[in-house]
């Protein structure tokens, strides 16, 4: 699997500024210097100098390990880390691509454990055949995997905690074996039947040039169709704004500067950036728009934000 961390504040893997007078500084250093001017005051109060979301691009051919992520409480107790809620937007998918999300029936820890050990776990996994433009919110506790030629834009909490439950037989070969976490994961998993196996599909006609894809406790993601100039103000978001170009080429400009992003590229707009505009430079331009949120009980991350 190919994996590119586009915008990251994870310690040791921070994104580096590529141009301007701050070139060479990493993203958490920017937050440390400019505080809420980068991420927004509420997000700075919640996360301090740690940038609160991680944006990745995944190129999945061979089967991704069957994995699960812990919730906030478990991640805090075990790893002094945030949990991991993540969102997948399918940038491209081959006809035989498969995503597994949760179970196709009610199950239990013993059944899962036994089926992982005898290599029959696919019998109880929910199957989705994704198409380009589909999207999925993957909450903590949801087993998931993918294979068969899928390109994914992944937006997630700033966490690198993953429990591998099954690795499609690779764990039996010393040359391909990786650390597995079945015992650690067993009490983090949601064992009820996954509620649906249909695809989420964008309908831009619902709100003009913008369509809300997900709005969870940690981030909000919309699809913006840029078929004309769009005038925006960063302070309206009370957050940083990340644009990931899903298609075409878009110019993002203010009174003093301008940057173009093309398909697959990302750009970060600071919370105090002010007025700016999105201008299509080609036909059929679309941007994923990502902003941060914080809706967690106040005592959840005492040890992390102190």
Protein backbone atom coordinates (compact mmCIF):
# COMPACT_ATOMS: atom_id res chain seq x y z
CA UNK A 1 0.00 0.00 0.00
CA UNK A 2 1.21 3.48 -0.82
CA UNK A 3 0.53 6.07 1.87
CA UNK A 4 1.22 9.81 1.80
CA UNK A 5 0.71 11.99 4.87
CA UNK A 6 -0.39 15.25 3.28
CA UNK A 7 -0.96 17.36 6.39
CA UNK A 8 0.15 15.96 9.73
CA UNK A 9 0.89 17.12 13.25
CA UNK A 10 1.76 13.63 14.52
CA UNK A 11 4.98 13.83 16.50
CA UNK A 12 7.90 12.76 14.33
CA UNK A 13 5.88 13.08 11.11
CA UNK A 14 4.94 16.77 11.10
CA UNK A 15 4.27 18.48 7.78
CA UNK A 16 6.87 21.05 6.72
CA UNK A 17 6.03 24.47 5.24
CA UNK A 18 7.07 24.40 1.56
CA UNK A 19 7.17 28.12 0.70
CA UNK A 20 7.02 31.63 2.09
CA UNK A 21 9.03 33.21 4.90
CA UNK A 22 8.17 30.31 7.24
CA UNK A 23 9.55 27.71 4.82
CA UNK A 24 11.19 24.84 6.69
CA UNK A 25 9.12 25.12 9.87
CA UNK A 26 6.82 22.25 10.75
CA UNK A 27 3.11 22.64 11.32
CA UNK A 28 3.21 22.28 15.11
CA UNK A 29 5.91 24.96 15.30
CA UNK A 30 3.54 27.29 13.44
CA UNK A 31 0.79 26.60 15.97
CA UNK A 32 3.24 27.16 18.83
CA UNK A 33 4.20 30.57 17.40
CA UNK A 34 0.83 31.80 16.15
CA UNK A 35 -1.52 29.95 18.50
CA UNK A 36 -5.18 30.34 17.55
CA UNK A 37 -4.31 32.41 14.51
CA UNK A 38 -3.49 29.13 12.76
CA UNK A 39 -6.13 26.71 14.06
CA UNK A 40 -8.75 28.95 15.68
CA UNK A 41 -9.00 29.89 19.37
CA UNK A 42 -11.30 27.06 20.45
CA UNK A 43 -9.19 24.42 18.75
CA UNK A 44 -6.01 25.86 20.23
CA UNK A 45 -7.56 25.76 23.71
CA UNK A 46 -8.44 22.10 23.14
CA UNK A 47 -5.31 20.78 21.41
CA UNK A 48 -2.61 23.28 22.42
CA UNK A 49 0.27 23.15 19.91
CA UNK A 50 -0.70 19.83 18.31
CA UNK A 51 -2.38 20.20 14.92
CA UNK A 52 -5.71 18.39 15.40
CA UNK A 53 -6.31 16.42 12.18
CA UNK A 54 -4.30 14.19 9.89
CA UNK A 55 -4.93 14.12 6.13
CA UNK A 56 -3.61 11.17 4.10
CA UNK A 57 -3.77 9.73 0.61
CA UNK A 58 -3.91 5.92 0.43
CA UNK A 59 -3.24 3.80 -2.65
CA UNK A 60 -4.53 0.34 -1.77
CA UNK A 61 -3.79 -2.64 -4.02
CA UNK A 62 -2.92 -5.60 -1.80
CA UNK A 63 -5.29 -6.24 1.11
CA UNK A 64 -5.04 -3.71 3.89
CA UNK A 65 -4.82 -5.52 7.22
CA UNK A 66 -8.15 -6.04 8.98
CA UNK A 67 -7.87 -3.42 11.69
CA UNK A 68 -9.68 -1.38 14.28
CA UNK A 69 -8.96 1.86 16.11
CA UNK A 70 -9.65 2.55 19.79
CA UNK A 71 -11.93 5.31 21.00
CA UNK A 72 -10.72 8.36 22.92
CA UNK A 73 -11.05 6.86 26.36
CA UNK A 74 -9.22 3.62 25.53
CA UNK A 75 -6.47 5.39 23.59
CA UNK A 76 -5.93 7.80 26.47
CA UNK A 77 -5.67 5.04 29.09
CA UNK A 78 -3.46 2.74 27.06
CA UNK A 79 -1.33 5.09 24.95
CA UNK A 80 -1.82 8.65 26.27
CA UNK A 81 -3.07 9.41 22.77
CA UNK A 82 -6.21 10.53 21.00
CA UNK A 83 -8.47 7.85 19.59
CA UNK A 84 -9.03 7.57 15.87
CA UNK A 85 -12.22 8.42 14.07
CA UNK A 86 -11.54 8.52 10.34
CA UNK A 87 -13.33 9.43 7.13
CA UNK A 88 -12.67 7.84 3.73
CA UNK A 89 -13.47 9.57 0.46
CA UNK A 90 -12.98 7.29 -2.56
CA UNK A 91 -10.96 9.13 -5.19
CA UNK A 92 -10.88 6.11 -7.51
CA UNK A 93 -11.78 2.42 -7.40
CA UNK A 94 -11.27 -0.55 -9.72
CA UNK A 95 -14.35 -2.64 -10.62
CA UNK A 96 -13.31 -5.51 -8.33
CA UNK A 97 -12.34 -3.33 -5.36
CA UNK A 98 -13.68 -4.32 -1.95
CA UNK A 99 -14.05 -2.55 1.36
CA UNK A 100 -14.89 -4.45 4.54
CA UNK A 101 -16.73 -2.41 7.17
CA UNK A 102 -17.92 -4.21 10.28
CA UNK A 103 -19.79 -7.52 10.37
CA UNK A 104 -22.55 -8.96 8.18
CA UNK A 105 -24.28 -10.38 11.25
CA UNK A 106 -24.31 -10.14 15.02
CA UNK A 107 -21.17 -11.80 16.35
CA UNK A 108 -19.04 -12.00 19.50
CA UNK A 109 -15.39 -11.94 20.60
CA UNK A 110 -15.01 -15.73 20.65
CA UNK A 111 -16.31 -16.15 17.10
CA UNK A 112 -14.07 -13.39 15.78
CA UNK A 113 -11.03 -14.79 17.58
CA UNK A 114 -11.58 -18.30 16.23
CA UNK A 115 -12.22 -17.14 12.66
CA UNK A 116 -9.08 -15.00 12.66
CA UNK A 117 -7.08 -17.99 13.85
CA UNK A 118 -8.50 -20.44 11.25
CA UNK A 119 -8.43 -17.90 8.36
CA UNK A 120 -12.21 -17.87 7.85
CA UNK A 121 -12.92 -14.37 9.09
CA UNK A 122 -14.21 -13.19 5.67
CA UNK A 123 -17.34 -15.27 6.32
CA UNK A 124 -18.57 -12.73 8.88
CA UNK A 125 -17.32 -9.47 7.36
CA UNK A 126 -19.60 -6.94 5.70
CA UNK A 127 -18.68 -6.31 2.04
CA UNK A 128 -18.99 -3.04 0.12
CA UNK A 129 -18.03 -2.56 -3.53
CA UNK A 130 -16.95 1.10 -3.62
CA UNK A 131 -17.23 3.51 -6.51
CA UNK A 132 -15.42 6.76 -7.17
CA UNK A 133 -17.08 9.51 -5.12
CA UNK A 134 -18.31 7.24 -2.32
CA UNK A 135 -17.49 8.18 1.27
CA UNK A 136 -17.55 6.49 4.66
CA UNK A 137 -17.18 7.62 8.27
CA UNK A 138 -15.29 4.87 10.12
CA UNK A 139 -15.88 5.21 13.82
CA UNK A 140 -13.69 3.65 16.54
CA UNK A 141 -14.58 0.02 17.08
CA UNK A 142 -15.46 -0.65 13.43
CA UNK A 143 -13.36 -3.37 11.85
CA UNK A 144 -12.25 -2.34 8.37
CA UNK A 145 -10.05 -3.32 5.47
CA UNK A 146 -9.78 -2.73 1.72
CA UNK A 147 -8.21 -4.28 -1.36
CA UNK A 148 -8.28 -4.41 -5.12
CA UNK A 149 -7.24 -0.99 -6.39
CA UNK A 150 -8.66 1.90 -4.34
CA UNK A 151 -7.36 5.45 -3.93
CA UNK A 152 -8.59 7.07 -0.73
CA UNK A 153 -8.44 10.52 0.81
CA UNK A 154 -8.42 9.85 4.54
CA UNK A 155 -9.20 12.48 7.16
CA UNK A 156 -8.74 11.44 10.77
CA UNK A 157 -8.00 12.46 14.30
CA UNK A 158 -4.35 13.20 15.03
CA UNK A 159 -3.52 9.68 16.14
CA UNK A 160 -1.43 6.80 14.84
CA UNK A 161 -2.98 4.04 16.98
CA UNK A 162 -4.04 1.02 14.91
CA UNK A 163 -4.77 -2.53 16.09
CA UNK A 164 -4.23 -5.21 13.42
CA UNK A 165 -6.67 -8.05 13.93
CA UNK A 166 -5.99 -10.19 10.85
CA UNK A 167 -3.44 -9.86 8.03
CA UNK A 168 -4.81 -12.20 5.36
CA UNK A 169 -2.31 -14.97 6.09
CA UNK A 170 0.76 -12.76 5.96
CA UNK A 171 1.11 -13.14 9.71
CA UNK A 172 1.90 -16.86 9.22
CA UNK A 173 4.97 -16.19 7.05
CA UNK A 174 8.10 -14.99 8.90
CA UNK A 175 9.12 -12.91 5.89
CA UNK A 176 5.84 -10.94 5.83
CA UNK A 177 4.68 -11.14 9.44
CA UNK A 178 3.96 -7.88 11.26
CA UNK A 179 3.01 -7.22 14.85
CA UNK A 180 -0.59 -8.25 15.48
CA UNK A 181 -2.94 -6.91 18.15
CA UNK A 182 -5.91 -9.30 18.25
CA UNK A 183 -5.87 -9.71 22.02
CA UNK A 184 -5.45 -5.96 22.53
CA UNK A 185 -8.27 -5.16 20.11
CA UNK A 186 -10.82 -7.73 21.19
CA UNK A 187 -12.57 -5.49 23.74
CA UNK A 188 -12.52 -2.40 21.47
CA UNK A 189 -14.65 -3.86 18.69
CA UNK A 190 -18.32 -3.22 17.94
CA UNK A 191 -19.81 -6.71 17.44
CA UNK A 192 -23.28 -5.81 16.23
CA UNK A 193 -24.22 -6.14 12.57
CA UNK A 194 -22.98 -3.19 10.54
CA UNK A 195 -26.04 -1.01 9.93
CA UNK A 196 -25.78 -0.75 6.15
CA UNK A 197 -23.83 -1.86 3.10
CA UNK A 198 -24.97 0.86 0.71
CA UNK A 199 -22.72 3.63 -0.57
CA UNK A 200 -22.90 7.30 0.37
CA UNK A 201 -23.23 9.41 -2.78
CA UNK A 202 -22.80 13.18 -3.14
CA UNK A 203 -25.70 15.30 -4.32
CA UNK A 204 -24.32 18.78 -4.96
CA UNK A 205 -27.76 20.01 -5.99
CA UNK A 206 -28.84 20.00 -2.32
CA UNK A 207 -26.87 23.13 -1.47
CA UNK A 208 -25.60 24.76 -4.64
CA UNK A 209 -21.84 24.39 -4.95
CA UNK A 210 -21.33 22.74 -1.55
CA UNK A 211 -22.30 19.35 -0.15
CA UNK A 212 -21.74 18.23 3.44
CA UNK A 213 -20.11 14.79 3.59
CA UNK A 214 -19.57 14.34 7.32
CA UNK A 215 -19.82 16.40 10.49
CA UNK A 216 -18.44 14.45 13.45
CA UNK A 217 -16.96 15.50 16.79
CA UNK A 218 -13.47 16.11 15.39
CA UNK A 219 -13.77 17.46 11.86
CA UNK A 220 -16.20 18.54 9.20
CA UNK A 221 -15.76 17.61 5.53
CA UNK A 222 -17.61 19.11 2.57
CA UNK A 223 -17.26 18.82 -1.19
CA UNK A 224 -17.04 22.19 -2.93
CA UNK A 225 -17.66 22.39 -6.66
CA UNK A 226 -15.66 25.34 -7.99
CA UNK A 227 -17.30 26.18 -11.31
CA UNK A 228 -17.15 29.96 -10.71
CA UNK A 229 -15.32 32.35 -8.40
CA UNK A 230 -16.24 31.74 -4.77
CA UNK A 231 -15.56 34.45 -2.17
CA UNK A 232 -14.92 33.26 1.39
CA UNK A 233 -13.72 34.56 4.76
CA UNK A 234 -11.61 32.30 6.97
CA UNK A 235 -12.96 33.75 10.23
CA UNK A 236 -16.41 32.39 9.33
CA UNK A 237 -15.11 28.88 10.01
CA UNK A 238 -13.57 29.44 13.47
CA UNK A 239 -10.97 26.88 12.36
CA UNK A 240 -8.16 26.27 9.94
CA UNK A 241 -9.38 25.26 6.48
CA UNK A 242 -7.72 22.51 4.45
CA UNK A 243 -8.49 22.10 0.77
CA UNK A 244 -7.61 18.83 -0.94
CA UNK A 245 -8.11 19.02 -4.70
CA UNK A 246 -10.32 16.15 -5.84
CA UNK A 247 -10.28 17.20 -9.49
CA UNK A 248 -9.05 19.98 -11.77
CA UNK A 249 -6.92 22.99 -10.84
CA UNK A 250 -8.04 25.72 -8.47
CA UNK A 251 -6.42 29.05 -7.63
CA UNK A 252 -6.68 30.12 -3.99
CA UNK A 253 -5.88 33.80 -3.64
CA UNK A 254 -6.07 36.80 -1.35
CA UNK A 255 -5.14 40.44 -1.88
CA UNK A 256 -1.45 39.62 -1.39
CA UNK A 257 -0.82 36.08 -2.58
CA UNK A 258 -2.06 33.25 -4.74
CA UNK A 259 -1.45 29.50 -4.93
CA UNK A 260 -2.71 26.87 -7.35
CA UNK A 261 -3.50 23.32 -6.31
CA UNK A 262 -4.10 20.46 -8.70
CA UNK A 263 -5.64 17.05 -8.28
CA UNK A 264 -4.14 15.27 -5.27
CA UNK A 265 -2.58 18.38 -3.70
CA UNK A 266 -3.55 20.02 -0.41
CA UNK A 267 -3.27 23.52 1.05
CA UNK A 268 -3.79 24.89 4.57
CA UNK A 269 -5.61 28.19 5.13
CA UNK A 270 -4.97 29.70 8.61
CA UNK A 271 -7.96 30.60 10.75
CA UNK A 272 -7.11 34.31 10.64
CA UNK A 273 -6.29 34.44 6.91
CA UNK A 274 -9.20 36.74 6.15
CA UNK A 275 -10.87 37.15 2.77
CA UNK A 276 -9.90 34.82 -0.06
CA UNK A 277 -11.37 33.43 -3.23
CA UNK A 278 -11.44 30.10 -5.04
CA UNK A 279 -11.10 30.40 -8.81
CA UNK A 280 -11.40 27.48 -11.25
CA UNK A 281 -8.43 27.24 -13.63
CA UNK A 282 -9.86 24.22 -15.47
CA UNK A 283 -13.28 22.72 -15.95
CA UNK A 284 -14.85 20.33 -13.44
CA UNK A 285 -12.98 21.57 -10.34
CA UNK A 286 -13.82 20.04 -6.96
CA UNK A 287 -12.24 20.49 -3.54
CA UNK A 288 -12.61 18.55 -0.32
CA UNK A 289 -12.94 21.23 2.39
CA UNK A 290 -11.81 20.10 5.85
CA UNK A 291 -12.21 22.05 9.10
CA UNK A 292 -11.55 21.11 12.71
CA UNK A 293 -13.95 20.62 15.61
CA UNK A 294 -13.77 19.72 19.27
CA UNK A 295 -16.83 18.21 20.94
CA UNK A 296 -15.38 15.93 23.60
CA UNK A 297 -16.20 15.96 27.32
CA UNK A 298 -13.85 18.38 29.06
CA UNK A 299 -12.15 15.74 31.21
CA UNK A 300 -11.41 13.34 28.33
CA UNK A 301 -7.93 14.64 27.51
CA UNK A 302 -6.67 16.19 30.72
CA UNK A 303 -3.28 14.47 30.39
CA UNK A 304 -2.95 15.31 26.71
CA UNK A 305 -3.71 19.01 26.70
CA UNK A 306 -2.06 19.99 29.97
